[in-house]
Protein backbone atom coordinates (compact mmCIF):
# COMPACT_ATOMS: atom_id res chain seq x y z
CA MET A 1 -0.02 0.18 0.11
CA LYS A 2 1.31 3.52 -0.72
CA VAL A 3 0.26 6.55 1.45
CA LEU A 4 0.90 9.63 -0.77
CA ASN A 5 0.37 13.50 0.52
CA LEU A 6 -1.65 14.95 -2.28
CA GLN A 7 -2.82 18.80 -2.80
CA CYS A 8 -4.94 20.10 -5.09
CA ARG A 9 -4.45 23.31 -7.14
CA HIS A 10 -6.37 25.77 -4.07
CA GLY A 11 -3.53 24.38 -1.57
CA HIS A 12 -6.14 21.67 0.06
CA VAL A 13 -3.77 18.82 1.56
CA PHE A 14 -4.91 15.41 2.15
CA GLU A 15 -3.69 11.60 2.27
CA GLY A 16 -4.08 8.67 -0.64
CA TRP A 17 -3.88 5.57 -0.36
CA PHE A 18 -3.12 3.32 -3.52
CA SER A 19 -1.97 -0.20 -4.20
CA SER A 20 0.97 0.93 -6.01
CA GLU A 21 2.81 4.28 -7.83
CA ASP A 22 0.91 3.12 -11.14
CA ASP A 23 -2.18 2.94 -9.47
CA TYR A 24 -1.97 6.37 -8.56
CA ARG A 25 -0.68 7.70 -12.01
CA ASP A 26 -3.46 5.25 -13.46
CA GLN A 27 -6.24 6.83 -11.36
CA GLN A 28 -5.05 10.61 -11.65
CA GLU A 29 -4.99 10.22 -15.69
CA ARG A 30 -8.18 8.88 -15.50
CA GLY A 31 -9.57 11.88 -12.69
CA LEU A 32 -10.85 9.90 -10.62
CA VAL A 33 -8.25 11.25 -8.10
CA SER A 34 -10.15 14.63 -6.47
CA CYS A 35 -9.75 16.50 -3.41
CA PRO A 36 -12.09 15.67 -0.89
CA LEU A 37 -12.90 19.09 0.06
CA CYS A 38 -13.57 20.78 -3.10
CA SER A 39 -13.36 18.04 -5.99
CA ASP A 40 -10.82 19.54 -7.88
CA THR A 41 -8.91 16.92 -10.08
CA GLU A 42 -5.97 18.83 -10.91
CA VAL A 43 -4.14 17.07 -7.94
CA SER A 44 -0.43 16.64 -7.74
CA LYS A 45 1.78 15.42 -4.99
CA LEU A 46 4.02 16.70 -2.12
CA PRO A 47 7.40 15.61 -0.99
CA THR A 48 7.87 13.23 1.78
CA ALA A 49 10.18 12.53 3.95
CA PRO A 50 10.44 9.04 5.43
CA ARG A 51 9.30 8.97 8.87
CA LEU A 52 12.44 7.77 11.30
CA ASN A 53 11.69 6.06 14.42
CA LEU A 54 15.11 7.31 17.17
CA ARG A 55 15.10 5.14 20.18
CA ALA A 56 14.98 6.63 22.95
CA GLY A 57 18.05 8.90 24.51
CA LYS A 58 18.87 9.97 27.97
CA GLY A 59 16.29 10.78 30.55
CA GLY A 60 13.42 8.79 28.45
CA GLU A 61 13.36 11.71 26.00
CA LYS A 62 13.48 10.76 22.27
CA ALA A 63 16.76 11.76 20.36
CA GLY A 64 16.66 15.06 19.06
CA ASP A 65 13.76 16.06 21.21
CA ASP A 66 13.90 19.87 22.48
CA SER A 67 11.30 20.40 25.42
CA ARG A 68 12.42 23.91 24.85
CA HIS A 69 10.12 24.23 21.89
CA VAL A 70 6.82 26.32 22.47
CA ALA A 71 3.28 24.90 21.71
CA THR A 72 1.91 26.19 18.99
CA GLY A 73 -2.12 25.81 17.18
CA PRO A 74 -2.75 23.03 14.96
CA SER A 75 -1.44 23.04 11.21
CA ALA A 76 -3.44 23.88 7.96
CA ALA A 77 -3.63 20.14 7.14
CA GLU A 78 -4.77 19.33 10.99
CA MET A 79 -7.53 22.43 10.62
CA GLN A 80 -9.01 20.68 7.35
CA ALA A 81 -9.29 17.23 8.82
CA LEU A 82 -10.95 18.44 12.00
CA TRP A 83 -13.31 20.62 9.88
CA LEU A 84 -13.89 17.66 7.47
CA ARG A 85 -14.89 15.12 10.80
CA ALA A 86 -17.15 18.01 12.23
CA LEU A 87 -19.08 17.97 8.58
CA ARG A 88 -18.93 14.03 8.44
CA HIS A 89 -20.51 14.16 12.30
CA VAL A 90 -23.28 16.74 11.01
CA VAL A 91 -23.77 14.79 7.88
CA GLU A 92 -23.99 11.42 10.19
CA ASN A 93 -26.64 13.30 12.64
CA THR A 94 -29.32 14.88 10.09
CA GLU A 95 -32.08 14.33 8.21
CA ASP A 96 -31.38 15.86 4.43
CA VAL A 97 -34.41 17.47 3.29
CA GLY A 98 -32.92 19.13 0.40
CA GLU A 99 -34.85 22.17 -1.06
CA ARG A 100 -37.83 21.78 1.58
CA PHE A 101 -35.30 22.85 4.17
CA VAL A 102 -36.90 26.29 4.56
CA GLU A 103 -40.39 24.64 4.90
CA GLU A 104 -39.52 22.24 7.20
CA ALA A 105 -37.47 24.46 9.59
CA ARG A 106 -40.36 26.62 9.81
CA ARG A 107 -42.99 23.38 10.37
CA ILE A 108 -40.42 22.12 13.29
CA HIS A 109 -40.12 25.47 15.06
CA TYR A 110 -43.87 25.91 14.92
CA GLY A 111 -44.27 22.63 16.06
CA GLU A 112 -46.16 21.11 13.02
CA ALA A 113 -43.28 18.58 12.52
CA GLU A 114 -41.91 16.23 14.85
CA ALA A 115 -38.43 17.97 16.06
CA ARG A 116 -35.07 16.79 14.53
CA ASN A 117 -32.20 17.69 13.17
CA ILE A 118 -32.03 18.49 9.67
CA ARG A 119 -30.00 20.30 6.55
CA GLY A 120 -30.64 21.22 3.02
CA GLN A 121 -30.81 23.86 0.79
CA ALA A 122 -31.60 27.90 1.45
CA THR A 123 -30.56 30.95 -0.45
CA ARG A 124 -29.37 33.72 2.23
CA GLU A 125 -32.23 35.39 2.04
CA GLU A 126 -34.55 32.88 3.34
CA THR A 127 -31.89 32.23 5.72
CA GLU A 128 -32.12 35.80 7.02
CA ALA A 129 -35.60 35.58 7.45
CA LEU A 130 -35.44 32.61 9.28
CA LEU A 131 -33.35 34.20 11.71
CA GLU A 132 -35.55 36.98 11.78
CA GLU A 133 -38.35 34.63 12.81
CA GLY A 134 -36.44 33.37 15.17
CA ILE A 135 -35.58 30.31 13.80
CA GLU A 136 -31.91 29.17 14.88
CA VAL A 137 -30.17 27.85 11.42
CA MET A 138 -26.80 28.09 10.82
CA PRO A 139 -25.26 28.22 7.09
CA LEU A 140 -22.73 25.36 6.49
CA PRO A 141 -21.09 24.73 2.82
CA LEU A 142 -20.48 21.13 1.90
CA PRO A 143 -17.47 19.71 0.05
CA PRO A 144 -19.17 17.77 -2.65
CA ALA A 145 -17.77 14.27 -1.70
CA LEU A 146 -19.19 15.04 1.88
CA LYS A 147 -22.76 14.74 -0.52
CA GLU A 148 -22.39 11.56 -0.98
CA PRO A 149 -22.93 8.60 1.68
CA THR A 150 -20.16 8.55 3.99
CA HIS A 151 -17.98 5.41 4.48
């Protein structure tokens, strides 16, 4: 199994798993490799370095470990992964009502339909109208890859 670090032309970084380098090239030539965030098929391989497993040094610290480093926030790739995980959670725990979203949100709010978590499409104007009525909604753009069944 070959794990490659990939990047689309929009700068989204993600992993791809392929049976071989030839399998990657074949899938890329057929347009089957796409970004999970934006579905862009213009994807390139990023350089990768081998991961070294160094034995622990004195005092149980790993070789090269410097405890003086300042903690930093998550990297862009980690943020993308967290965002995708959150979106997957929303998709898996909501009912897709599609274009009926505005109507169904009102029905739920006014007690005409069973209370449940829903998602669907609404224009900016429709979203603003729902908010003005006191109906809590949150715009959440879904990448095309997440609109399909999750694995």
